[in-house]
All heavy atoms as atom14 arrays in JSON, in Angstrom:
{
  "sequence": "FLKFLNEEIDVLLCGTPSELISKIKYIEENYFI",
  "atom14_mask": [
    [1, 1, 1, 1, 1, 1, 1, 1, 1, 1, 1, 0, 0, 0],
    [1, 1, 1, 1, 1, 1, 1, 1, 0, 0, 0, 0, 0, 0],
    [1, 1, 1, 1, 1, 1, 1, 1, 1, 0, 0, 0, 0, 0],
    [1, 1, 1, 1, 1, 1, 1, 1, 1, 1, 1, 0, 0, 0],
    [1, 1, 1, 1, 1, 1, 1, 1, 0, 0, 0, 0, 0, 0],
    [1, 1, 1, 1, 1, 1, 1, 1, 0, 0, 0, 0, 0, 0],
    [1, 1, 1, 1, 1, 1, 1, 1, 1, 0, 0, 0, 0, 0],
    [1, 1, 1, 1, 1, 1, 1, 1, 1, 0, 0, 0, 0, 0],
    [1, 1, 1, 1, 1, 1, 1, 1, 0, 0, 0, 0, 0, 0],
    [1, 1, 1, 1, 1, 1, 1, 1, 0, 0, 0, 0, 0, 0],
    [1, 1, 1, 1, 1, 1, 1, 0, 0, 0, 0, 0, 0, 0],
    [1, 1, 1, 1, 1, 1, 1, 1, 0, 0, 0, 0, 0, 0],
    [1, 1, 1, 1, 1, 1, 1, 1, 0, 0, 0, 0, 0, 0],
    [1, 1, 1, 1, 1, 1, 0, 0, 0, 0, 0, 0, 0, 0],
    [1, 1, 1, 1, 0, 0, 0, 0, 0, 0, 0, 0, 0, 0],
    [1, 1, 1, 1, 1, 1, 1, 0, 0, 0, 0, 0, 0, 0],
    [1, 1, 1, 1, 1, 1, 1, 0, 0, 0, 0, 0, 0, 0],
    [1, 1, 1, 1, 1, 1, 0, 0, 0, 0, 0, 0, 0, 0],
    [1, 1, 1, 1, 1, 1, 1, 1, 1, 0, 0, 0, 0, 0],
    [1, 1, 1, 1, 1, 1, 1, 1, 0, 0, 0, 0, 0, 0],
    [1, 1, 1, 1, 1, 1, 1, 1, 0, 0, 0, 0, 0, 0],
    [1, 1, 1, 1, 1, 1, 0, 0, 0, 0, 0, 0, 0, 0],
    [1, 1, 1, 1, 1, 1, 1, 1, 1, 0, 0, 0, 0, 0],
    [1, 1, 1, 1, 1, 1, 1, 1, 0, 0, 0, 0, 0, 0],
    [1, 1, 1, 1, 1, 1, 1, 1, 1, 0, 0, 0, 0, 0],
    [1, 1, 1, 1, 1, 1, 1, 1, 1, 1, 1, 1, 0, 0],
    [1, 1, 1, 1, 1, 1, 1, 1, 0, 0, 0, 0, 0, 0],
    [1, 1, 1, 1, 1, 1, 1, 1, 1, 0, 0, 0, 0, 0],
    [1, 1, 1, 1, 1, 1, 1, 1, 1, 0, 0, 0, 0, 0],
    [1, 1, 1, 1, 1, 1, 1, 1, 0, 0, 0, 0, 0, 0],
    [1, 1, 1, 1, 1, 1, 1, 1, 1, 1, 1, 1, 0, 0],
    [1, 1, 1, 1, 1, 1, 1, 1, 1, 1, 1, 0, 0, 0],
    [1, 1, 1, 1, 1, 1, 1, 1, 0, 0, 0, 0, 0, 0]
  ],
  "atom14_positions": [
    [[76.32, -10.8, 27.61], [75.83, -9.46, 28.16], [74.32, -9.48, 28.2], [73.76, -9.15, 29.21], [76.41, -8.32, 27.44], [76.03, -6.96, 27.85], [75.72, -6.7, 29.24], [75.86, -5.95, 26.97], [75.37, -5.48, 29.66], [75.53, -4.69, 27.39], [75.23, -4.42, 28.66], [0.0, 0.0, 0.0], [0.0, 0.0, 0.0], [0.0, 0.0, 0.0]],
    [[73.66, -9.92, 27.1], [72.24, -9.86, 27.06], [71.64, -10.77, 28.02], [70.58, -10.61, 28.63], [71.78, -10.15, 25.56], [72.21, -9.11, 24.54], [71.69, -9.6, 23.22], [71.72, -7.73, 24.95], [0.0, 0.0, 0.0], [0.0, 0.0, 0.0], [0.0, 0.0, 0.0], [0.0, 0.0, 0.0], [0.0, 0.0, 0.0], [0.0, 0.0, 0.0]],
    [[72.35, -11.98, 28.24], [71.79, -12.93, 29.22], [71.85, -12.34, 30.55], [70.96, -12.53, 31.42], [72.75, -14.18, 29.23], [72.55, -15.1, 27.94], [73.58, -16.27, 27.93], [73.43, -17.04, 26.59], [74.44, -18.11, 26.63], [0.0, 0.0, 0.0], [0.0, 0.0, 0.0], [0.0, 0.0, 0.0], [0.0, 0.0, 0.0], [0.0, 0.0, 0.0]],
    [[72.89, -11.56, 30.93], [72.98, -10.95, 32.2], [71.84, -9.9, 32.37], [71.22, -9.8, 33.37], [74.42, -10.2, 32.31], [74.43, -9.3, 33.59], [74.7, -9.85, 34.81], [74.25, -7.94, 33.47], [74.7, -9.09, 35.99], [74.26, -7.18, 34.54], [74.58, -7.69, 35.82], [0.0, 0.0, 0.0], [0.0, 0.0, 0.0], [0.0, 0.0, 0.0]],
    [[71.62, -9.09, 31.34], [70.5, -8.15, 31.36], [69.16, -8.85, 31.64], [68.34, -8.37, 32.37], [70.49, -7.28, 30.04], [71.76, -6.45, 29.83], [71.52, -5.66, 28.51], [72.02, -5.46, 30.94], [0.0, 0.0, 0.0], [0.0, 0.0, 0.0], [0.0, 0.0, 0.0], [0.0, 0.0, 0.0], [0.0, 0.0, 0.0], [0.0, 0.0, 0.0]],
    [[69.09, -9.94, 30.91], [67.77, -10.75, 31.07], [67.56, -11.18, 32.55], [66.43, -11.2, 33.04], [67.77, -11.92, 30.12], [66.34, -12.46, 29.87], [65.27, -11.72, 29.94], [66.28, -13.71, 29.62], [0.0, 0.0, 0.0], [0.0, 0.0, 0.0], [0.0, 0.0, 0.0], [0.0, 0.0, 0.0], [0.0, 0.0, 0.0], [0.0, 0.0, 0.0]],
    [[68.63, -11.61, 33.16], [68.58, -12.14, 34.48], [68.28, -11.02, 35.45], [67.67, -11.23, 36.45], [69.92, -12.85, 34.88], [70.1, -14.14, 34.13], [71.58, -14.63, 34.33], [72.34, -13.93, 34.97], [71.91, -15.66, 33.78], [0.0, 0.0, 0.0], [0.0, 0.0, 0.0], [0.0, 0.0, 0.0], [0.0, 0.0, 0.0], [0.0, 0.0, 0.0]],
    [[68.74, -9.82, 35.08], [68.66, -8.64, 36.03], [67.47, -7.65, 35.63], [67.5, -6.52, 36.03], [69.92, -7.82, 36.11], [71.13, -8.73, 36.57], [70.97, -9.04, 38.01], [70.31, -8.29, 38.78], [71.52, -10.08, 38.42], [0.0, 0.0, 0.0], [0.0, 0.0, 0.0], [0.0, 0.0, 0.0], [0.0, 0.0, 0.0], [0.0, 0.0, 0.0]],
    [[66.6, -8.13, 34.68], [65.56, -7.21, 34.14], [64.71, -6.56, 35.15], [64.43, -5.35, 34.95], [64.71, -8.0, 33.13], [63.91, -7.07, 32.33], [63.81, -8.99, 33.83], [64.7, -6.12, 31.44], [0.0, 0.0, 0.0], [0.0, 0.0, 0.0], [0.0, 0.0, 0.0], [0.0, 0.0, 0.0], [0.0, 0.0, 0.0], [0.0, 0.0, 0.0]],
    [[64.43, -7.18, 36.26], [63.57, -6.49, 37.31], [64.27, -5.27, 37.9], [63.7, -4.24, 38.07], [63.18, -7.44, 38.42], [62.12, -8.5, 37.99], [61.96, -8.7, 36.67], [61.49, -9.09, 38.88], [0.0, 0.0, 0.0], [0.0, 0.0, 0.0], [0.0, 0.0, 0.0], [0.0, 0.0, 0.0], [0.0, 0.0, 0.0], [0.0, 0.0, 0.0]],
    [[65.54, -5.43, 38.19], [66.42, -4.28, 38.76], [66.57, -3.23, 37.69], [66.4, -2.03, 38.08], [67.72, -4.81, 39.24], [68.56, -3.66, 39.65], [67.4, -5.78, 40.42], [0.0, 0.0, 0.0], [0.0, 0.0, 0.0], [0.0, 0.0, 0.0], [0.0, 0.0, 0.0], [0.0, 0.0, 0.0], [0.0, 0.0, 0.0], [0.0, 0.0, 0.0]],
    [[66.84, -3.62, 36.41], [67.13, -2.63, 35.45], [65.78, -1.83, 35.15], [65.96, -0.61, 34.7], [67.53, -3.3, 34.12], [68.83, -4.08, 34.23], [69.2, -4.8, 32.9], [70.03, -3.04, 34.52], [0.0, 0.0, 0.0], [0.0, 0.0, 0.0], [0.0, 0.0, 0.0], [0.0, 0.0, 0.0], [0.0, 0.0, 0.0], [0.0, 0.0, 0.0]],
    [[64.64, -2.37, 35.25], [63.4, -1.59, 35.04], [62.83, -0.91, 36.29], [62.33, 0.15, 36.11], [62.32, -2.59, 34.52], [62.59, -3.15, 33.07], [61.45, -4.08, 32.66], [62.67, -1.96, 32.03], [0.0, 0.0, 0.0], [0.0, 0.0, 0.0], [0.0, 0.0, 0.0], [0.0, 0.0, 0.0], [0.0, 0.0, 0.0], [0.0, 0.0, 0.0]],
    [[63.11, -1.5, 37.41], [62.45, -0.93, 38.69], [63.36, -0.86, 39.86], [62.93, -0.63, 40.96], [61.19, -1.7, 38.97], [59.81, -1.23, 37.92], [0.0, 0.0, 0.0], [0.0, 0.0, 0.0], [0.0, 0.0, 0.0], [0.0, 0.0, 0.0], [0.0, 0.0, 0.0], [0.0, 0.0, 0.0], [0.0, 0.0, 0.0], [0.0, 0.0, 0.0]],
    [[64.64, -1.09, 39.66], [65.51, -0.98, 40.68], [65.73, 0.38, 41.41], [65.51, 1.36, 40.67], [0.0, 0.0, 0.0], [0.0, 0.0, 0.0], [0.0, 0.0, 0.0], [0.0, 0.0, 0.0], [0.0, 0.0, 0.0], [0.0, 0.0, 0.0], [0.0, 0.0, 0.0], [0.0, 0.0, 0.0], [0.0, 0.0, 0.0], [0.0, 0.0, 0.0]],
    [[66.05, 0.42, 42.68], [66.33, 1.73, 43.33], [67.56, 2.42, 42.73], [68.36, 1.69, 42.2], [66.42, 1.47, 44.85], [67.57, 0.66, 45.08], [65.26, 0.83, 45.46], [0.0, 0.0, 0.0], [0.0, 0.0, 0.0], [0.0, 0.0, 0.0], [0.0, 0.0, 0.0], [0.0, 0.0, 0.0], [0.0, 0.0, 0.0], [0.0, 0.0, 0.0]],
    [[67.69, 3.67, 42.98], [68.98, 4.34, 42.5], [70.23, 3.69, 42.97], [71.15, 3.55, 42.24], [68.78, 5.73, 43.15], [67.35, 6.01, 43.13], [66.77, 4.69, 43.49], [0.0, 0.0, 0.0], [0.0, 0.0, 0.0], [0.0, 0.0, 0.0], [0.0, 0.0, 0.0], [0.0, 0.0, 0.0], [0.0, 0.0, 0.0], [0.0, 0.0, 0.0]],
    [[70.31, 3.26, 44.29], [71.55, 2.54, 44.71], [71.71, 1.26, 43.99], [72.86, 0.84, 43.7], [71.37, 2.32, 46.25], [70.38, 1.55, 46.58], [0.0, 0.0, 0.0], [0.0, 0.0, 0.0], [0.0, 0.0, 0.0], [0.0, 0.0, 0.0], [0.0, 0.0, 0.0], [0.0, 0.0, 0.0], [0.0, 0.0, 0.0], [0.0, 0.0, 0.0]],
    [[70.64, 0.52, 43.65], [70.73, -0.67, 42.96], [71.2, -0.41, 41.51], [72.01, -1.19, 40.88], [69.41, -1.52, 42.91], [68.99, -2.05, 44.19], [67.63, -2.67, 44.29], [66.73, -2.1, 43.53], [67.4, -3.69, 44.94], [0.0, 0.0, 0.0], [0.0, 0.0, 0.0], [0.0, 0.0, 0.0], [0.0, 0.0, 0.0], [0.0, 0.0, 0.0]],
    [[70.73, 0.58, 40.88], [71.16, 0.96, 39.51], [72.57, 1.28, 39.47], [73.31, 0.91, 38.57], [70.38, 2.16, 39.03], [68.85, 1.91, 38.87], [68.19, 3.16, 38.27], [68.49, 0.7, 38.02], [0.0, 0.0, 0.0], [0.0, 0.0, 0.0], [0.0, 0.0, 0.0], [0.0, 0.0, 0.0], [0.0, 0.0, 0.0], [0.0, 0.0, 0.0]],
    [[73.1, 2.05, 40.54], [74.6, 2.37, 40.51], [75.36, 1.1, 40.66], [76.34, 0.94, 40.0], [74.72, 3.28, 41.82], [74.26, 4.66, 41.57], [76.33, 3.34, 42.12], [74.32, 5.52, 42.78], [0.0, 0.0, 0.0], [0.0, 0.0, 0.0], [0.0, 0.0, 0.0], [0.0, 0.0, 0.0], [0.0, 0.0, 0.0], [0.0, 0.0, 0.0]],
    [[74.91, 0.14, 41.45], [75.66, -1.14, 41.54], [75.63, -1.86, 40.22], [76.66, -2.43, 39.87], [74.94, -2.0, 42.63], [75.5, -3.31, 42.69], [0.0, 0.0, 0.0], [0.0, 0.0, 0.0], [0.0, 0.0, 0.0], [0.0, 0.0, 0.0], [0.0, 0.0, 0.0], [0.0, 0.0, 0.0], [0.0, 0.0, 0.0], [0.0, 0.0, 0.0]],
    [[74.55, -1.91, 39.45], [74.52, -2.54, 38.2], [75.39, -1.83, 37.12], [76.11, -2.51, 36.31], [73.05, -2.64, 37.66], [72.17, -3.49, 38.51], [72.74, -4.96, 38.72], [71.9, -5.73, 39.65], [72.57, -6.87, 40.18], [0.0, 0.0, 0.0], [0.0, 0.0, 0.0], [0.0, 0.0, 0.0], [0.0, 0.0, 0.0], [0.0, 0.0, 0.0]],
    [[75.42, -0.55, 37.14], [76.28, 0.18, 36.27], [77.7, -0.26, 36.43], [78.43, -0.5, 35.5], [76.11, 1.8, 36.44], [74.75, 2.24, 35.98], [77.24, 2.47, 35.64], [74.5, 3.68, 36.32], [0.0, 0.0, 0.0], [0.0, 0.0, 0.0], [0.0, 0.0, 0.0], [0.0, 0.0, 0.0], [0.0, 0.0, 0.0], [0.0, 0.0, 0.0]],
    [[78.15, -0.21, 37.7], [79.54, -0.53, 38.06], [79.81, -1.96, 37.52], [80.85, -2.19, 36.86], [79.75, -0.45, 39.53], [81.2, -0.75, 39.97], [81.35, -0.43, 41.49], [82.79, -0.63, 41.91], [83.29, -2.01, 41.87], [0.0, 0.0, 0.0], [0.0, 0.0, 0.0], [0.0, 0.0, 0.0], [0.0, 0.0, 0.0], [0.0, 0.0, 0.0]],
    [[78.95, -3.03, 37.77], [79.21, -4.38, 37.41], [79.21, -4.48, 35.87], [80.07, -5.17, 35.41], [78.15, -5.2, 38.03], [78.51, -6.7, 37.78], [79.27, -7.44, 38.68], [77.93, -7.38, 36.7], [79.55, -8.8, 38.57], [78.16, -8.77, 36.48], [78.96, -9.39, 37.41], [79.34, -10.77, 37.13], [0.0, 0.0, 0.0], [0.0, 0.0, 0.0]],
    [[78.3, -3.87, 35.33], [78.23, -3.93, 33.79], [79.47, -3.34, 33.19], [80.11, -3.98, 32.18], [77.0, -3.23, 33.21], [75.77, -4.06, 33.57], [77.12, -2.95, 31.72], [74.45, -3.36, 33.29], [0.0, 0.0, 0.0], [0.0, 0.0, 0.0], [0.0, 0.0, 0.0], [0.0, 0.0, 0.0], [0.0, 0.0, 0.0], [0.0, 0.0, 0.0]],
    [[79.9, -2.17, 33.61], [81.18, -1.6, 33.11], [82.42, -2.39, 33.4], [83.34, -2.32, 32.55], [81.31, -0.16, 33.55], [80.2, 0.78, 33.04], [80.4, 2.23, 33.42], [81.2, 2.54, 34.29], [79.77, 3.11, 32.69], [0.0, 0.0, 0.0], [0.0, 0.0, 0.0], [0.0, 0.0, 0.0], [0.0, 0.0, 0.0], [0.0, 0.0, 0.0]],
    [[82.48, -3.02, 34.48], [83.68, -3.82, 34.72], [83.7, -5.12, 33.95], [84.81, -5.59, 33.7], [83.64, -4.18, 36.29], [83.98, -3.11, 37.2], [83.94, -3.44, 38.65], [83.32, -4.5, 38.95], [84.49, -2.72, 39.48], [0.0, 0.0, 0.0], [0.0, 0.0, 0.0], [0.0, 0.0, 0.0], [0.0, 0.0, 0.0], [0.0, 0.0, 0.0]],
    [[82.51, -5.64, 33.59], [82.5, -6.96, 33.01], [81.93, -7.03, 31.61], [82.3, -8.01, 30.88], [81.65, -7.91, 33.9], [82.32, -8.09, 35.34], [83.14, -8.92, 35.45], [81.68, -7.34, 36.27], [0.0, 0.0, 0.0], [0.0, 0.0, 0.0], [0.0, 0.0, 0.0], [0.0, 0.0, 0.0], [0.0, 0.0, 0.0], [0.0, 0.0, 0.0]],
    [[81.18, -6.11, 31.16], [80.57, -6.27, 29.85], [80.66, -5.06, 28.88], [80.99, -5.28, 27.73], [79.06, -6.5, 30.1], [78.74, -7.84, 30.76], [78.27, -7.84, 32.11], [78.95, -9.0, 30.14], [77.97, -9.01, 32.73], [78.62, -10.22, 30.78], [78.11, -10.23, 32.06], [77.82, -11.36, 32.66], [0.0, 0.0, 0.0], [0.0, 0.0, 0.0]],
    [[80.46, -3.82, 29.35], [80.24, -2.86, 28.36], [80.4, -1.42, 28.97], [79.92, -1.13, 30.03], [78.89, -2.92, 27.68], [78.48, -1.81, 26.87], [79.07, -1.6, 25.59], [77.42, -0.96, 27.23], [78.56, -0.43, 24.77], [76.98, 0.08, 26.44], [77.55, 0.27, 25.24], [0.0, 0.0, 0.0], [0.0, 0.0, 0.0], [0.0, 0.0, 0.0]],
    [[81.1, -0.55, 28.2], [81.09, 0.87, 28.6], [80.69, 1.64, 27.26], [81.3, 1.45, 26.21], [82.5, 1.32, 29.01], [82.95, 0.53, 30.22], [82.52, 2.79, 29.33], [84.32, 0.82, 30.68], [0.0, 0.0, 0.0], [0.0, 0.0, 0.0], [0.0, 0.0, 0.0], [0.0, 0.0, 0.0], [0.0, 0.0, 0.0], [0.0, 0.0, 0.0]]
  ]
}
């Protein structure tokens, strides 16, 4: 999970709202709720 967050750090810190929604969905489906 942390490796994924590290790869997506730019989006997690500065992604647009639509990009954040996409990341939330992917994280909840695959890593953590």
